Amino acid sequence: MGLKPCNKKIWRKGHHIFTSHSIPAKKFDKWVKKVARRSGQKVDWYYFGGRAVVKVLGNAKQVYTATEAIKELLPEHDQLMREAVGPDLADICKGTFV
């Protein structure tokens, strides 16, 4: 079973808050769902130009809440990155906030 496409409303109107890469799609999807649950916001992601783009739908407060959830879950993201590219490269290739 494949992953569901990004929620169209989030894709069209959401605020880009984080970009990552190299983590397998199923693992990244699971992590983004944790961000959504932790923040209580509408968060989804999609690939663009070989990068995983994370967006949140809502106002500034909702964007802030989702960004804070990403910060809390960043150690898990970084572990997924180490698993995907190895520890040496993971120190160089980090996800980035927008």
C-alpha atoms as a PDB file:
ATOM      1  CA  MET A   1       0.000   0.000   0.000  1.00  0.00           C
ATOM      2  CA  GLY A   2       1.365   3.415  -0.983  1.00  0.00           C
ATOM      3  CA  LEU A   3       1.217   6.657   0.929  1.00  0.00           C
ATOM      4  CA  LYS A   4      -1.699   9.027   0.546  1.00  0.00           C
ATOM      5  CA  PRO A   5      -0.987  12.201  -1.445  1.00  0.00           C
ATOM      6  CA  CYS A   6      -0.568  15.411   0.499  1.00  0.00           C
ATOM      7  CA  ASN A   7      -3.853  16.948   1.625  1.00  0.00           C
ATOM      8  CA  LYS A   8      -4.780  19.272  -1.271  1.00  0.00           C
ATOM      9  CA  LYS A   9      -5.865  22.140   0.957  1.00  0.00           C
ATOM     10  CA  ILE A  10      -2.623  22.006   2.961  1.00  0.00           C
ATOM     11  CA  TRP A  11      -0.615  21.689  -0.254  1.00  0.00           C
ATOM     12  CA  ARG A  12      -2.301  24.753  -1.823  1.00  0.00           C
ATOM     13  CA  LYS A  13      -2.758  27.067   1.156  1.00  0.00           C
ATOM     14  CA  GLY A  14      -0.403  25.753   3.848  1.00  0.00           C
ATOM     15  CA  HIS A  15       2.675  27.518   5.176  1.00  0.00           C
ATOM     16  CA  HIS A  16       6.007  25.856   4.398  1.00  0.00           C
ATOM     17  CA  ILE A  17       7.710  25.362   7.766  1.00  0.00           C
ATOM     18  CA  PHE A  18      10.342  22.625   7.343  1.00  0.00           C
ATOM     19  CA  THR A  19      12.320  20.877   4.619  1.00  0.00           C
ATOM     20  CA  SER A  20      14.131  17.569   4.808  1.00  0.00           C
ATOM     21  CA  HIS A  21      15.482  14.846   2.529  1.00  0.00           C
ATOM     22  CA  SER A  22      16.937  11.336   2.338  1.00  0.00           C
ATOM     23  CA  ILE A  23      14.615   9.779   4.930  1.00  0.00           C
ATOM     24  CA  PRO A  24      12.471   7.028   3.371  1.00  0.00           C
ATOM     25  CA  ALA A  25       8.945   8.258   2.624  1.00  0.00           C
ATOM     26  CA  LYS A  26       7.121   5.843   4.952  1.00  0.00           C
ATOM     27  CA  LYS A  27       9.331   6.775   7.899  1.00  0.00           C
ATOM     28  CA  PHE A  28       9.085  10.476   7.132  1.00  0.00           C
ATOM     29  CA  ASP A  29       5.297  10.229   6.808  1.00  0.00           C
ATOM     30  CA  LYS A  30       5.082   8.577  10.223  1.00  0.00           C
ATOM     31  CA  TRP A  31       7.229  11.356  11.725  1.00  0.00           C
ATOM     32  CA  VAL A  32       5.108  14.115  10.151  1.00  0.00           C
ATOM     33  CA  LYS A  33       1.963  12.469  11.534  1.00  0.00           C
ATOM     34  CA  LYS A  34       3.557  12.659  14.995  1.00  0.00           C
ATOM     35  CA  VAL A  35       4.178  16.371  14.422  1.00  0.00           C
ATOM     36  CA  ALA A  36       0.495  16.801  13.519  1.00  0.00           C
ATOM     37  CA  ARG A  37      -0.684  14.883  16.590  1.00  0.00           C
ATOM     38  CA  ARG A  38       1.713  16.656  18.948  1.00  0.00           C
ATOM     39  CA  SER A  39       0.774  20.095  17.643  1.00  0.00           C
ATOM     40  CA  GLY A  40      -2.926  19.445  17.092  1.00  0.00           C
ATOM     41  CA  GLN A  41      -2.567  21.210  13.734  1.00  0.00           C
ATOM     42  CA  LYS A  42      -3.219  20.231  10.119  1.00  0.00           C
ATOM     43  CA  VAL A  43       0.271  19.251   8.979  1.00  0.00           C
ATOM     44  CA  ASP A  44       1.241  17.308   5.854  1.00  0.00           C
ATOM     45  CA  TRP A  45       4.140  16.956   3.454  1.00  0.00           C
ATOM     46  CA  TYR A  46       5.062  16.257  -0.154  1.00  0.00           C
ATOM     47  CA  TYR A  47       8.174  15.924  -2.306  1.00  0.00           C
ATOM     48  CA  PHE A  48       9.358  18.863  -4.388  1.00  0.00           C
ATOM     49  CA  GLY A  49      12.696  18.908  -6.170  1.00  0.00           C
ATOM     50  CA  GLY A  50      13.884  15.846  -4.268  1.00  0.00           C
ATOM     51  CA  ARG A  51      13.100  17.423  -0.911  1.00  0.00           C
ATOM     52  CA  ALA A  52      10.369  16.652   1.597  1.00  0.00           C
ATOM     53  CA  VAL A  53       8.402  19.853   2.219  1.00  0.00           C
ATOM     54  CA  VAL A  54       6.363  20.080   5.435  1.00  0.00           C
ATOM     55  CA  LYS A  55       3.431  22.504   5.515  1.00  0.00           C
ATOM     56  CA  VAL A  56       0.880  23.535   8.125  1.00  0.00           C
ATOM     57  CA  LEU A  57      -2.528  25.022   7.475  1.00  0.00           C
ATOM     58  CA  GLY A  58      -3.598  27.932   9.615  1.00  0.00           C
ATOM     59  CA  ASN A  59      -2.754  31.278  11.138  1.00  0.00           C
ATOM     60  CA  ALA A  60       0.501  32.424  12.741  1.00  0.00           C
ATOM     61  CA  LYS A  61      -0.331  30.787  16.084  1.00  0.00           C
ATOM     62  CA  GLN A  62      -1.016  27.463  14.376  1.00  0.00           C
ATOM     63  CA  VAL A  63       2.225  27.735  12.398  1.00  0.00           C
ATOM     64  CA  TYR A  64       4.110  28.459  15.639  1.00  0.00           C
ATOM     65  CA  THR A  65       2.507  25.479  17.402  1.00  0.00           C
ATOM     66  CA  ALA A  66       3.469  23.113  14.582  1.00  0.00           C
ATOM     67  CA  THR A  67       7.008  24.527  14.464  1.00  0.00           C
ATOM     68  CA  GLU A  68       7.386  23.934  18.200  1.00  0.00           C
ATOM     69  CA  ALA A  69       6.230  20.323  17.736  1.00  0.00           C
ATOM     70  CA  ILE A  70       8.884  19.834  15.055  1.00  0.00           C
ATOM     71  CA  LYS A  71      11.530  21.202  17.433  1.00  0.00           C
ATOM     72  CA  GLU A  72      10.401  18.721  20.105  1.00  0.00           C
ATOM     73  CA  LEU A  73      10.517  15.829  17.623  1.00  0.00           C
ATOM     74  CA  LEU A  74      13.743  16.919  15.919  1.00  0.00           C
ATOM     75  CA  PRO A  75      15.902  14.320  17.738  1.00  0.00           C
ATOM     76  CA  GLU A  76      13.734  11.585  16.206  1.00  0.00           C
ATOM     77  CA  HIS A  77      14.053  13.219  12.755  1.00  0.00           C
ATOM     78  CA  ASP A  78      17.815  13.405  13.160  1.00  0.00           C
ATOM     79  CA  GLN A  79      17.955   9.707  14.112  1.00  0.00           C
ATOM     80  CA  LEU A  80      15.987   8.824  10.974  1.00  0.00           C
ATOM     81  CA  MET A  81      18.471  10.904   8.979  1.00  0.00           C
ATOM     82  CA  ARG A  82      21.432   9.054  10.557  1.00  0.00           C
ATOM     83  CA  GLU A  83      19.806   5.738   9.646  1.00  0.00           C
ATOM     84  CA  ALA A  84      19.257   6.920   6.062  1.00  0.00           C
ATOM     85  CA  VAL A  85      22.627   8.487   5.261  1.00  0.00           C
ATOM     86  CA  GLY A  86      24.977   7.415   8.057  1.00  0.00           C
ATOM     87  CA  PRO A  87      26.224   9.400  11.051  1.00  0.00           C
ATOM     88  CA  ASP A  88      28.946  11.399   9.284  1.00  0.00           C
ATOM     89  CA  LEU A  89      26.736  12.679   6.496  1.00  0.00           C
ATOM     90  CA  ALA A  90      23.784  13.226   8.862  1.00  0.00           C
ATOM     91  CA  ASP A  91      25.831  15.842  10.748  1.00  0.00           C
ATOM     92  CA  ILE A  92      26.073  17.826   7.516  1.00  0.00           C
ATOM     93  CA  CYS A  93      22.637  17.121   6.005  1.00  0.00           C
ATOM     94  CA  LYS A  94      20.084  18.387   8.470  1.00  0.00           C
ATOM     95  CA  GLY A  95      16.477  19.370   8.013  1.00  0.00           C
ATOM     96  CA  THR A  96      15.899  23.101   7.781  1.00  0.00           C
ATOM     97  CA  PHE A  97      13.241  25.427   9.120  1.00  0.00           C
ATOM     98  CA  VAL A  98      11.782  28.013   6.784  1.00  0.00           C
END
